Amino acid sequence: MRIVIAGGHGQIALRLERLLSAGGHEVVGVIRSPEQAAALRDAGAEPVVLDLESAGVDEVAEVLRGADAAVFAAGAGPGSGIPRKDTVDRGAAVLFADAAERAGVRRYVVVSSMGADARHEGDGQFDAYLRAKGAADDDIRARSGLDWTILRPGALTDDAGTGLVRLAASTGRGPVPRDDVAAVLSELLDTPATAGLTLELISGSVPVSVAVRDIAGN
């Protein structure tokens, strides 16, 4: 498959690019800065420099044209300020979805966050982040032109992945290594029957491939 990943220099995205490339897929990573290109090439991905906060839908659609799947893994990041939670975590996700539909790319996988909710209350940056992610998820789930899957990991860690997870519509709170998030994303891309599902993910006791197979079609 040809897979285009928004936020291609992110910690989860780089892990996913390595997995997909090793699996024989053609991977494209959308990045904001040319300085990030070398890291993507090292991960086996083709870098495309494009700022999703300023690009138009036609420009993004051109990058997506011919792809089999799109993954939205971009984020404003900690310390970016509340306004960018809306322009990146919500706005860029919606733009990328608009572009996917325009380019005829149906498979659309979103890296969201546990607790994402457009109605979440609070004045802090993380509160704004959860509202933005929730609003983006709501927008994507309302689209009939996409075969979407939304993945909401728990607290992310840099621990080595175990390959053992809990994946369900509701898991309860818990940590999960970024390695295992990337592994689940890779399996989701290979499992079209997970379309239409919003899933939470934490560390658990079930092998990744089994967890994805068990949730498929539910």
Protein backbone atom coordinates (compact mmCIF):
# COMPACT_ATOMS: atom_id res chain seq x y z
CA MET A 1 0.00 0.00 0.00
CA ARG A 2 0.93 3.64 -0.40
CA ILE A 3 0.29 5.35 2.93
CA VAL A 4 0.53 9.10 3.61
CA ILE A 5 1.13 10.18 7.20
CA ALA A 6 0.44 13.73 8.41
CA GLY A 7 2.83 14.73 11.17
CA GLY A 8 5.49 12.47 9.74
CA HIS A 9 8.21 13.57 12.18
CA GLY A 10 6.20 12.81 15.30
CA GLN A 11 7.38 10.16 17.72
CA ILE A 12 4.58 7.74 16.88
CA ALA A 13 4.75 8.53 13.16
CA LEU A 14 8.46 7.77 12.89
CA ARG A 15 7.90 4.41 14.57
CA LEU A 16 4.99 3.68 12.24
CA GLU A 17 7.03 4.64 9.18
CA ARG A 18 9.74 2.15 10.16
CA LEU A 19 7.16 -0.63 10.60
CA LEU A 20 5.33 0.09 7.36
CA SER A 21 8.51 0.45 5.34
CA ALA A 22 9.87 -2.80 6.76
CA GLY A 23 6.58 -4.42 5.74
CA GLY A 24 7.08 -3.41 2.13
CA HIS A 25 4.69 -0.47 2.03
CA GLU A 26 5.39 2.82 0.30
CA VAL A 27 5.29 5.50 2.98
CA VAL A 28 5.06 9.28 2.62
CA GLY A 29 5.45 11.58 5.62
CA VAL A 30 4.13 15.15 5.59
CA ILE A 31 6.39 17.47 7.60
CA ARG A 32 6.60 21.20 8.28
CA SER A 33 10.36 21.65 8.16
CA PRO A 34 12.98 20.52 5.61
CA GLU A 35 15.31 19.85 8.55
CA GLN A 36 13.10 16.91 9.50
CA ALA A 37 13.50 15.15 6.14
CA ALA A 38 16.60 13.12 7.01
CA ALA A 39 14.88 11.45 9.96
CA LEU A 40 12.03 10.34 7.70
CA ARG A 41 14.40 8.94 5.10
CA ASP A 42 16.17 7.02 7.86
CA ALA A 43 12.77 5.59 8.81
CA GLY A 44 12.14 4.52 5.21
CA ALA A 45 9.63 7.23 4.35
CA GLU A 46 9.54 9.80 1.56
CA PRO A 47 9.36 13.29 3.12
CA VAL A 48 7.01 15.95 1.74
CA VAL A 49 7.33 19.46 3.17
CA LEU A 50 3.89 21.00 3.58
CA ASP A 51 2.48 23.16 6.38
CA LEU A 52 -1.03 21.92 7.15
CA GLU A 53 -1.83 25.16 8.98
CA SER A 54 -1.45 27.23 5.81
CA ALA A 55 -1.91 24.78 2.91
CA GLY A 56 -5.09 24.63 0.85
CA VAL A 57 -7.16 21.50 0.37
CA ASP A 58 -6.11 21.07 -3.29
CA GLU A 59 -2.45 21.24 -2.32
CA VAL A 60 -2.88 18.54 0.30
CA ALA A 61 -5.06 16.42 -2.01
CA GLU A 62 -2.24 16.38 -4.54
CA VAL A 63 0.03 14.74 -1.97
CA LEU A 64 -2.67 12.19 -1.15
CA ARG A 65 -3.59 11.36 -4.73
CA GLY A 66 -2.91 7.71 -5.50
CA ALA A 67 -2.59 6.71 -1.83
CA ASP A 68 -4.37 3.68 -0.38
CA ALA A 69 -4.61 5.13 3.12
CA ALA A 70 -4.05 8.31 5.11
CA VAL A 71 -2.96 8.56 8.74
CA PHE A 72 -3.40 11.76 10.74
CA ALA A 73 -0.69 11.76 13.40
CA ALA A 74 0.07 15.49 13.53
CA GLY A 75 -0.16 17.59 16.67
CA ALA A 76 0.73 21.05 17.83
CA GLY A 77 2.79 19.59 20.65
CA PRO A 78 3.29 20.68 24.25
CA GLY A 79 3.98 24.34 24.83
CA SER A 80 2.51 25.37 21.47
CA GLY A 81 -0.23 27.53 22.96
CA ILE A 82 -3.99 27.16 23.00
CA PRO A 83 -4.69 28.70 19.54
CA ARG A 84 -2.59 26.06 17.80
CA LYS A 85 -4.54 23.29 19.47
CA ASP A 86 -7.40 24.41 17.26
CA THR A 87 -5.43 25.11 14.09
CA VAL A 88 -3.44 21.86 14.19
CA ASP A 89 -5.18 19.27 16.36
CA ARG A 90 -8.61 20.13 14.95
CA GLY A 91 -8.12 22.23 11.83
CA ALA A 92 -5.33 20.21 10.22
CA ALA A 93 -7.17 16.93 10.88
CA VAL A 94 -10.27 18.29 9.15
CA LEU A 95 -8.20 19.67 6.25
CA PHE A 96 -6.43 16.33 5.82
CA ALA A 97 -9.81 14.56 5.79
CA ASP A 98 -11.19 17.03 3.23
CA ALA A 99 -8.12 16.40 1.08
CA ALA A 100 -8.43 12.63 1.43
CA GLU A 101 -12.02 12.76 0.22
CA ARG A 102 -11.06 15.00 -2.67
CA ALA A 103 -8.23 12.65 -3.65
CA GLY A 104 -10.45 9.58 -3.39
CA VAL A 105 -8.60 8.06 -0.43
CA ARG A 106 -11.21 6.31 1.69
CA ARG A 107 -9.10 4.71 4.42
CA TYR A 108 -8.41 7.32 7.10
CA VAL A 109 -6.85 6.48 10.47
CA VAL A 110 -6.62 9.11 13.21
CA VAL A 111 -4.27 9.18 16.19
CA SER A 112 -6.48 10.86 18.79
CA SER A 113 -6.27 10.89 22.58
CA MET A 114 -8.05 9.17 25.41
CA GLY A 115 -10.49 11.69 26.89
CA ALA A 116 -10.91 13.63 23.63
CA ASP A 117 -14.27 15.43 23.87
CA ALA A 118 -15.46 18.56 22.09
CA ARG A 119 -17.44 19.42 25.24
CA HIS A 120 -14.53 18.97 27.65
CA GLU A 121 -14.39 21.82 30.18
CA GLY A 122 -11.37 23.70 31.48
CA ASP A 123 -9.06 26.58 30.62
CA GLY A 124 -5.69 24.84 30.43
CA GLN A 125 -3.71 23.87 27.34
CA PHE A 126 -4.47 20.19 27.81
CA ASP A 127 -8.17 21.01 28.17
CA ALA A 128 -8.01 22.87 24.86
CA TYR A 129 -6.17 19.93 23.33
CA LEU A 130 -8.86 17.45 24.39
CA ARG A 131 -11.59 19.74 23.01
CA ALA A 132 -9.75 20.13 19.69
CA LYS A 133 -9.14 16.39 19.32
CA GLY A 134 -12.75 15.68 20.24
CA ALA A 135 -14.06 18.17 17.68
CA ALA A 136 -11.82 16.66 15.00
CA ASP A 137 -13.00 13.15 15.86
CA ASP A 138 -16.64 14.26 15.66
CA ASP A 139 -16.01 15.78 12.23
CA ILE A 140 -14.33 12.65 10.88
CA ARG A 141 -17.01 10.31 12.26
CA ALA A 142 -19.72 12.28 10.46
CA ARG A 143 -18.17 11.60 7.04
CA SER A 144 -19.63 8.88 4.85
CA GLY A 145 -16.85 9.36 2.30
CA LEU A 146 -14.16 7.93 4.60
CA ASP A 147 -13.56 4.48 6.02
CA TRP A 148 -12.25 5.95 9.26
CA THR A 149 -10.82 4.43 12.41
CA ILE A 150 -10.03 6.61 15.43
CA LEU A 151 -7.41 5.36 17.89
CA ARG A 152 -7.30 6.94 21.35
CA PRO A 153 -4.19 5.83 23.25
CA GLY A 154 -3.76 6.26 26.97
CA ALA A 155 -0.75 7.96 28.58
CA LEU A 156 2.13 7.63 26.11
CA THR A 157 5.50 6.35 27.29
CA ASP A 158 8.90 5.77 25.69
CA ASP A 159 9.22 2.32 27.26
CA ALA A 160 10.07 -0.49 24.90
CA GLY A 161 6.96 -1.99 23.37
CA THR A 162 5.76 -5.32 24.71
CA GLY A 163 3.43 -6.15 21.82
CA LEU A 164 0.71 -6.79 24.42
CA VAL A 165 -2.24 -4.40 24.59
CA ARG A 166 -5.84 -3.85 25.54
CA LEU A 167 -7.86 -2.48 22.61
CA ALA A 168 -11.57 -1.78 23.06
CA ALA A 169 -14.27 0.86 22.73
CA SER A 170 -13.53 1.63 26.39
CA THR A 171 -10.47 0.39 28.24
CA GLY A 172 -10.18 2.63 31.28
CA ARG A 173 -7.10 4.75 31.92
CA GLY A 174 -3.59 3.43 31.61
CA PRO A 175 -0.20 3.89 29.94
CA VAL A 176 0.94 2.51 26.60
CA PRO A 177 4.36 2.64 24.91
CA ARG A 178 4.57 4.56 21.65
CA ASP A 179 6.08 1.42 20.10
CA ASP A 180 2.82 -0.44 20.74
CA VAL A 181 0.69 2.44 19.46
CA ALA A 182 2.61 2.32 16.17
CA ALA A 183 2.21 -1.47 16.01
CA VAL A 184 -1.55 -1.16 16.49
CA LEU A 185 -1.79 1.53 13.81
CA SER A 186 0.05 -0.72 11.38
CA GLU A 187 -2.37 -3.56 12.09
CA LEU A 188 -5.38 -1.26 11.76
CA LEU A 189 -4.22 -0.19 8.31
CA ASP A 190 -4.07 -3.85 7.31
CA THR A 191 -7.54 -4.53 8.76
CA PRO A 192 -10.27 -2.71 6.80
CA ALA A 193 -12.97 -4.25 9.01
CA THR A 194 -11.96 -1.82 11.78
CA ALA A 195 -13.49 1.05 9.79
CA GLY A 196 -16.16 2.94 11.72
CA LEU A 197 -14.65 2.19 15.14
CA THR A 198 -13.42 4.55 17.84
CA LEU A 199 -10.99 2.58 19.98
CA GLU A 200 -9.09 3.15 23.21
CA LEU A 201 -5.67 1.59 23.69
CA ILE A 202 -3.58 0.82 26.77
CA SER A 203 -1.03 -1.82 27.67
CA GLY A 204 -2.56 -5.20 28.33
CA SER A 205 -2.14 -8.92 27.84
CA VAL A 206 -3.32 -9.54 24.27
CA PRO A 207 -0.91 -9.63 21.31
CA VAL A 208 -1.42 -6.68 18.97
CA SER A 209 -2.49 -8.72 15.94
CA VAL A 210 -5.00 -10.69 18.03
CA ALA A 211 -6.39 -7.55 19.67
CA VAL A 212 -7.02 -5.92 16.29
CA ARG A 213 -8.51 -9.08 14.80
CA ASP A 214 -10.82 -9.50 17.78
CA ILE A 215 -12.17 -5.93 17.56
CA ALA A 216 -12.58 -5.96 13.76
CA GLY A 217 -16.16 -5.85 12.59
CA ASN A 218 -17.56 -4.94 16.01
